[in-house]
């Protein structure tokens, strides 16, 4: 049975207690992307306004599309792609090429809810091969003549433009997407988190020129706020530095974990203080970890935390005794460090 331990010592700090400079090094800005700019242009603008060395976005939006564009800053760029694992919500305007009855429209909407197959459009950056995607929710919000406002909650990688095109083919007269807005990425929502570019610029100016960081701290979230869609694992303090060096997390190093974790699932590893250590793949399921006393439980995919924040309690192979080397792992809480 995995038992929790309390954090000891004066190392690490809760994400909300980071200084403004530290926040920008581990930051997440849910930008409201305006129409007419590429996702790359918006990311470069955020980087320049905040004065950070690195910035990267998750989930490209077409230039004419608007809405949620998560931009990570500093070291947080290492794990931003984890947002591709969660759902996305869109509001889109579909223009029917000819009128169709409401009943027929509702029937096709129902038909396209659930698992579907898509081939990415010609202008996409991915290989144009048929692939399965899941449409979790699809509904008609409003209709005015041949214009239909749709709300869709879809698996990442679903092309809403292609979804509307395919619906138009099934309906008969054809259909075209004329407007698109993304309102949610994972647990980041328009109503709670979205930041307009000019507001971000003003907040950065208040901080730099007047020392007032209150607005900036409201707009720049800790990267941990973007990882809530992944099931959490709490590592013991004695295992954190080994993970920071690229080590696998062994069963003895697990303090707590989500009871629904399945083998092969991508999870987030945190410290007791709520700091994100790494994004990892589960090498065992919850029940196996609970019943086992040893073995590799989680394999890091992307490591966020730098080494040295938590004390070292692991040993290299050279430092292990012959018996421990034979077993292939330290008697502590993680395997000897290696790059994932």
Protein backbone atom coordinates (compact mmCIF):
# COMPACT_ATOMS: atom_id res chain seq x y z
CA UNK A 1 0.00 0.00 0.00
CA UNK A 2 1.39 3.42 -1.01
CA UNK A 3 1.54 5.71 2.01
CA UNK A 4 1.95 9.49 1.81
CA UNK A 5 4.78 11.32 3.52
CA UNK A 6 4.99 14.96 4.54
CA UNK A 7 7.51 17.24 2.86
CA UNK A 8 10.52 17.99 5.02
CA UNK A 9 13.22 20.65 4.77
CA UNK A 10 13.25 24.10 3.23
CA UNK A 11 13.44 23.21 -0.45
CA UNK A 12 10.96 23.77 -3.22
CA UNK A 13 7.95 26.07 -2.98
CA UNK A 14 4.28 25.95 -3.98
CA UNK A 15 3.72 27.34 -7.51
CA UNK A 16 1.62 30.25 -6.21
CA UNK A 17 4.54 31.42 -4.05
CA UNK A 18 7.00 31.79 -6.91
CA UNK A 19 8.46 35.22 -7.56
CA UNK A 20 7.32 37.00 -10.72
CA UNK A 21 10.61 36.13 -12.41
CA UNK A 22 10.17 32.47 -11.45
CA UNK A 23 6.56 32.55 -12.61
CA UNK A 24 7.67 33.72 -16.06
CA UNK A 25 10.21 30.90 -16.15
CA UNK A 26 7.41 28.37 -15.49
CA UNK A 27 4.51 30.30 -16.98
CA UNK A 28 1.42 29.58 -19.05
CA UNK A 29 -0.51 32.34 -20.81
CA UNK A 30 -3.92 31.32 -22.25
CA UNK A 31 -3.91 33.93 -25.01
CA UNK A 32 -7.02 35.03 -26.88
CA UNK A 33 -5.56 34.89 -30.38
CA UNK A 34 -6.97 37.59 -32.68
CA UNK A 35 -7.89 36.97 -36.29
CA UNK A 36 -5.32 37.75 -38.95
CA UNK A 37 -2.23 36.55 -37.06
CA UNK A 38 -0.53 33.18 -37.10
CA UNK A 39 -0.03 31.23 -33.88
CA UNK A 40 3.72 31.66 -34.35
CA UNK A 41 3.39 35.46 -34.59
CA UNK A 42 1.31 35.62 -31.41
CA UNK A 43 3.81 33.45 -29.55
CA UNK A 44 6.71 35.63 -30.67
CA UNK A 45 4.81 38.73 -29.50
CA UNK A 46 4.19 37.20 -26.04
CA UNK A 47 7.88 36.32 -25.80
CA UNK A 48 8.91 39.89 -26.61
CA UNK A 49 6.38 41.57 -24.31
CA UNK A 50 7.26 39.40 -21.31
CA UNK A 51 10.99 39.54 -22.03
CA UNK A 52 11.50 35.77 -21.77
CA UNK A 53 14.11 33.77 -23.64
CA UNK A 54 11.75 31.02 -24.73
CA UNK A 55 8.08 30.70 -25.57
CA UNK A 56 6.04 28.03 -27.32
CA UNK A 57 2.39 27.32 -28.06
CA UNK A 58 0.23 24.21 -28.05
CA UNK A 59 -2.30 23.54 -30.78
CA UNK A 60 -1.95 25.76 -33.86
CA UNK A 61 -4.90 27.93 -34.87
CA UNK A 62 -5.35 29.08 -38.48
CA UNK A 63 -4.69 32.82 -39.05
CA UNK A 64 -8.40 33.61 -39.43
CA UNK A 65 -9.41 31.58 -36.36
CA UNK A 66 -9.60 33.18 -32.92
CA UNK A 67 -9.60 32.07 -29.30
CA UNK A 68 -7.60 29.98 -26.86
CA UNK A 69 -3.91 29.63 -27.70
CA UNK A 70 -1.93 28.36 -24.69
CA UNK A 71 1.58 29.87 -24.71
CA UNK A 72 4.22 28.52 -22.33
CA UNK A 73 7.23 30.58 -21.26
CA UNK A 74 10.75 29.65 -20.15
CA UNK A 75 11.28 26.07 -19.02
CA UNK A 76 7.52 25.43 -19.23
CA UNK A 77 7.93 25.03 -23.01
CA UNK A 78 9.33 21.56 -22.27
CA UNK A 79 5.91 20.22 -21.24
CA UNK A 80 3.49 22.42 -23.22
CA UNK A 81 2.75 19.64 -25.70
CA UNK A 82 1.03 17.70 -22.89
CA UNK A 83 -1.96 19.94 -23.60
CA UNK A 84 -2.42 18.04 -26.85
CA UNK A 85 -3.63 15.07 -24.78
CA UNK A 86 -6.82 16.78 -23.62
CA UNK A 87 -10.08 17.84 -25.34
CA UNK A 88 -10.72 21.12 -27.15
CA UNK A 89 -13.94 23.08 -27.51
CA UNK A 90 -14.83 25.17 -30.56
CA UNK A 91 -17.66 27.40 -31.71
CA UNK A 92 -17.92 27.47 -35.49
CA UNK A 93 -20.23 28.93 -38.11
CA UNK A 94 -21.25 26.53 -40.86
CA UNK A 95 -22.72 27.89 -44.09
CA UNK A 96 -24.95 25.42 -45.91
CA UNK A 97 -24.77 25.76 -49.68
CA UNK A 98 -28.50 25.10 -49.95
CA UNK A 99 -31.30 24.87 -47.35
CA UNK A 100 -31.85 21.58 -45.50
CA UNK A 101 -34.61 20.73 -43.01
CA UNK A 102 -33.82 21.10 -39.30
CA UNK A 103 -34.63 17.44 -38.71
CA UNK A 104 -32.09 16.34 -41.32
CA UNK A 105 -29.45 18.66 -39.86
CA UNK A 106 -29.99 17.29 -36.34
CA UNK A 107 -29.75 13.74 -37.66
CA UNK A 108 -26.37 14.38 -39.32
CA UNK A 109 -25.07 16.18 -36.22
CA UNK A 110 -25.96 13.07 -34.21
CA UNK A 111 -24.28 10.86 -36.81
CA UNK A 112 -21.01 12.79 -36.48
CA UNK A 113 -20.97 12.61 -32.67
CA UNK A 114 -18.63 9.90 -31.39
CA UNK A 115 -15.74 8.18 -33.17
CA UNK A 116 -15.15 9.44 -36.72
CA UNK A 117 -12.50 9.08 -39.41
CA UNK A 118 -10.78 12.11 -40.91
CA UNK A 119 -8.16 12.83 -43.51
CA UNK A 120 -6.33 16.11 -42.70
CA UNK A 121 -6.95 18.91 -45.23
CA UNK A 122 -4.43 19.65 -47.98
CA UNK A 123 -3.02 22.72 -46.21
CA UNK A 124 -2.35 20.91 -42.93
CA UNK A 125 1.20 20.31 -41.69
CA UNK A 126 0.65 16.63 -40.87
CA UNK A 127 0.71 13.61 -43.15
CA UNK A 128 -2.56 13.28 -45.04
CA UNK A 129 -3.59 9.81 -43.96
CA UNK A 130 -6.93 8.56 -42.66
CA UNK A 131 -7.08 8.58 -38.88
CA UNK A 132 -9.63 8.09 -36.12
CA UNK A 133 -10.75 10.98 -33.93
CA UNK A 134 -13.43 11.35 -31.28
CA UNK A 135 -16.14 14.02 -31.31
CA UNK A 136 -17.27 14.04 -27.68
CA UNK A 137 -20.05 16.59 -28.08
CA UNK A 138 -21.58 18.27 -31.14
CA UNK A 139 -24.65 20.49 -31.00
CA UNK A 140 -26.52 23.13 -32.98
CA UNK A 141 -26.54 26.28 -30.85
CA UNK A 142 -28.42 28.51 -33.26
CA UNK A 143 -29.53 28.60 -36.87
CA UNK A 144 -30.43 31.48 -39.15
CA UNK A 145 -31.21 30.41 -42.67
CA UNK A 146 -28.20 28.65 -44.14
CA UNK A 147 -25.90 29.77 -41.30
CA UNK A 148 -25.55 27.34 -38.39
CA UNK A 149 -23.68 28.02 -35.13
CA UNK A 150 -22.15 24.78 -33.85
CA UNK A 151 -20.45 23.93 -30.57
CA UNK A 152 -18.06 20.98 -30.64
CA UNK A 153 -15.95 19.31 -27.98
CA UNK A 154 -13.41 17.15 -29.77
CA UNK A 155 -10.24 15.14 -29.38
CA UNK A 156 -7.06 17.07 -30.05
CA UNK A 157 -6.09 16.81 -33.72
CA UNK A 158 -9.67 16.98 -34.99
CA UNK A 159 -10.11 19.41 -37.89
CA UNK A 160 -13.39 21.28 -37.44
CA UNK A 161 -13.20 22.67 -40.98
CA UNK A 162 -13.01 19.12 -42.34
CA UNK A 163 -15.76 18.01 -39.95
CA UNK A 164 -18.10 20.64 -41.38
CA UNK A 165 -17.11 19.77 -44.95
CA UNK A 166 -17.86 16.09 -44.35
CA UNK A 167 -21.21 16.93 -42.74
CA UNK A 168 -22.07 18.99 -45.81
CA UNK A 169 -21.30 16.03 -48.07
CA UNK A 170 -23.64 13.78 -46.07
CA UNK A 171 -26.35 16.47 -46.02
CA UNK A 172 -26.15 16.73 -49.81
CA UNK A 173 -25.75 20.39 -50.78
CA UNK A 174 -22.34 20.78 -49.12
CA UNK A 175 -21.18 23.12 -46.36
CA UNK A 176 -18.30 25.48 -45.60
CA UNK A 177 -16.86 26.73 -42.32
CA UNK A 178 -16.87 30.53 -42.33
CA UNK A 179 -15.78 31.26 -38.74
CA UNK A 180 -14.00 29.41 -35.93
CA UNK A 181 -13.27 30.22 -32.30
CA UNK A 182 -11.58 27.93 -29.76
CA UNK A 183 -13.02 28.39 -26.28
CA UNK A 184 -11.36 25.61 -24.31
CA UNK A 185 -8.13 23.60 -24.24
CA UNK A 186 -8.16 20.82 -21.63
CA UNK A 187 -9.31 22.61 -18.43
CA UNK A 188 -8.37 26.11 -19.64
CA UNK A 189 -11.61 27.92 -20.44
CA UNK A 190 -12.49 31.19 -22.14
CA UNK A 191 -14.75 32.32 -19.31
CA UNK A 192 -12.09 31.84 -16.62
CA UNK A 193 -8.63 32.13 -18.09
CA UNK A 194 -8.34 33.79 -21.51
CA UNK A 195 -6.03 36.82 -21.80
CA UNK A 196 -6.17 39.53 -24.46
CA UNK A 197 -2.83 40.64 -25.90
CA UNK A 198 -3.21 44.34 -25.11
CA UNK A 199 -4.14 43.52 -21.50
CA UNK A 200 -1.01 41.38 -21.19
CA UNK A 201 1.14 44.20 -22.56
CA UNK A 202 -0.35 46.66 -20.08
CA UNK A 203 0.18 44.26 -17.15
CA UNK A 204 3.83 43.75 -18.16
CA UNK A 205 4.31 47.52 -18.32
CA UNK A 206 2.82 48.00 -14.83
CA UNK A 207 5.26 45.47 -13.45
CA UNK A 208 8.38 46.74 -15.19
CA UNK A 209 7.78 50.46 -14.72
CA UNK A 210 5.91 50.54 -11.42
CA UNK A 211 6.70 47.26 -9.72
CA UNK A 212 3.03 46.27 -9.61
CA UNK A 213 2.81 42.61 -10.64
CA UNK A 214 -0.78 41.95 -9.51
CA UNK A 215 -2.29 42.04 -13.01
CA UNK A 216 0.56 40.08 -14.55
CA UNK A 217 0.25 37.34 -11.93
CA UNK A 218 -3.46 37.12 -12.68
CA UNK A 219 -2.81 36.57 -16.40
CA UNK A 220 0.28 34.36 -16.32
CA UNK A 221 -0.61 31.02 -14.74
CA UNK A 222 1.84 28.51 -13.29
CA UNK A 223 2.37 25.72 -15.82
CA UNK A 224 0.82 23.36 -13.27
CA UNK A 225 -2.57 24.96 -14.02
CA UNK A 226 -2.43 23.48 -17.50
CA UNK A 227 -1.75 19.91 -16.39
CA UNK A 228 -5.00 19.22 -14.51
CA UNK A 229 -6.29 16.98 -17.32
CA UNK A 230 -3.57 14.42 -16.52
CA UNK A 231 -3.94 12.06 -13.58
CA UNK A 232 -1.53 13.12 -10.80
CA UNK A 233 1.22 11.24 -9.04
CA UNK A 234 2.90 12.62 -5.90
CA UNK A 235 6.57 11.63 -5.59
CA UNK A 236 8.38 11.41 -2.29
CA UNK A 237 10.91 14.16 -1.68
CA UNK A 238 13.68 11.57 -1.76
CA UNK A 239 12.79 10.67 -5.36
CA UNK A 240 12.43 14.17 -6.85
CA UNK A 241 16.07 14.94 -7.64
CA UNK A 242 16.57 11.54 -9.27
CA UNK A 243 13.60 12.24 -11.58
CA UNK A 244 15.07 15.68 -12.32
CA UNK A 245 18.18 13.84 -13.56
CA UNK A 246 16.06 11.67 -15.86
CA UNK A 247 15.54 8.67 -13.59
CA UNK A 248 12.50 6.43 -13.66
CA UNK A 249 10.24 6.65 -10.61
CA UNK A 250 10.21 3.32 -8.76
CA UNK A 251 7.36 2.05 -6.59
CA UNK A 252 9.01 2.98 -3.26
CA UNK A 253 9.23 6.60 -4.42
CA UNK A 254 5.47 7.00 -4.95
CA UNK A 255 3.70 8.77 -2.09
CA UNK A 256 0.20 9.09 -3.59
CA UNK A 257 -1.42 8.67 -6.97
CA UNK A 258 -4.75 8.81 -8.75
CA UNK A 259 -6.60 5.49 -8.30
CA UNK A 260 -7.65 5.37 -11.95
CA UNK A 261 -4.14 5.25 -13.47
CA UNK A 262 -3.77 2.57 -16.15
CA UNK A 263 -0.61 1.06 -17.61
CA UNK A 264 0.62 3.08 -20.60
CA UNK A 265 -1.28 6.23 -19.57
CA UNK A 266 0.45 9.62 -19.54
CA UNK A 267 0.44 11.18 -16.05
CA UNK A 268 1.90 14.21 -14.28
CA UNK A 269 4.37 13.81 -11.40
CA UNK A 270 4.25 16.45 -8.65
CA UNK A 271 6.06 17.19 -5.42
CA UNK A 272 4.18 17.45 -2.13
CA UNK A 273 4.26 21.22 -2.59
CA UNK A 274 2.41 20.97 -5.91
CA UNK A 275 5.40 21.60 -8.19
CA UNK A 276 5.37 19.77 -11.51
CA UNK A 277 8.40 17.50 -11.77
CA UNK A 278 7.76 15.66 -15.02
CA UNK A 279 5.27 14.24 -17.48
CA UNK A 280 5.57 10.46 -17.43
CA UNK A 281 4.22 7.19 -18.80
CA UNK A 282 2.80 4.65 -16.38
CA UNK A 283 4.74 1.38 -16.52
CA UNK A 284 2.21 -0.22 -14.16
CA UNK A 285 -1.44 0.34 -13.36
CA UNK A 286 -2.68 1.58 -9.98
CA UNK A 287 -3.52 -1.84 -8.58
CA UNK A 288 -0.17 -3.33 -9.62
CA UNK A 289 1.71 -0.46 -7.97
CA UNK A 290 -0.37 -0.85 -4.82
CA UNK A 291 0.40 -4.55 -4.62
CA UNK A 292 4.05 -4.36 -5.63
CA UNK A 293 6.91 -3.34 -3.39
CA UNK A 294 9.43 -2.65 -6.12
CA UNK A 295 9.93 -2.07 -9.83
CA UNK A 296 9.62 0.87 -12.20
CA UNK A 297 6.27 2.58 -11.81
CA UNK A 298 6.62 5.65 -14.07
CA UNK A 299 8.95 6.52 -16.96
CA UNK A 300 9.54 10.27 -17.48
CA UNK A 301 8.76 11.58 -20.95
CA UNK A 302 9.53 15.27 -20.35
CA UNK A 303 11.28 16.54 -17.22
CA UNK A 304 10.48 20.07 -16.06
CA UNK A 305 12.19 20.45 -12.69
CA UNK A 306 15.92 21.25 -12.77
CA UNK A 307 18.29 19.20 -10.64
CA UNK A 308 19.40 20.52 -7.28
CA UNK A 309 16.07 21.96 -6.14
CA UNK A 310 15.52 18.94 -3.88
CA UNK A 311 18.35 17.13 -2.06
CA UNK A 312 20.07 14.23 -3.76
CA UNK A 313 19.34 10.84 -2.20
CA UNK A 314 20.21 8.58 -5.12
CA UNK A 315 23.46 6.86 -6.03
CA UNK A 316 25.17 6.17 -9.35
CA UNK A 317 26.01 2.64 -10.45
CA UNK A 318 29.60 3.23 -9.36
CA UNK A 319 28.37 4.09 -5.87
CA UNK A 320 26.13 1.03 -5.58
CA UNK A 321 27.33 -2.17 -3.99
CA UNK A 322 27.68 -5.40 -6.03
CA UNK A 323 24.36 -6.78 -4.82
CA UNK A 324 22.47 -3.58 -5.55
CA UNK A 325 24.01 -3.40 -9.03
CA UNK A 326 22.92 -7.00 -9.61
CA UNK A 327 19.36 -6.09 -8.72
CA UNK A 328 19.53 -3.22 -11.18
CA UNK A 329 18.26 -0.50 -8.89
CA UNK A 330 19.07 1.43 -5.75
CA UNK A 331 17.41 0.55 -2.48
CA UNK A 332 16.02 4.08 -2.39
CA UNK A 333 13.02 5.46 -4.24
CA UNK A 334 14.14 5.71 -7.86
CA UNK A 335 16.32 3.90 -10.34
CA UNK A 336 19.76 5.31 -11.03
CA UNK A 337 19.53 8.41 -13.28
CA UNK A 338 19.33 7.97 -17.03
CA UNK A 339 17.93 10.08 -19.83
CA UNK A 340 14.37 9.12 -20.75
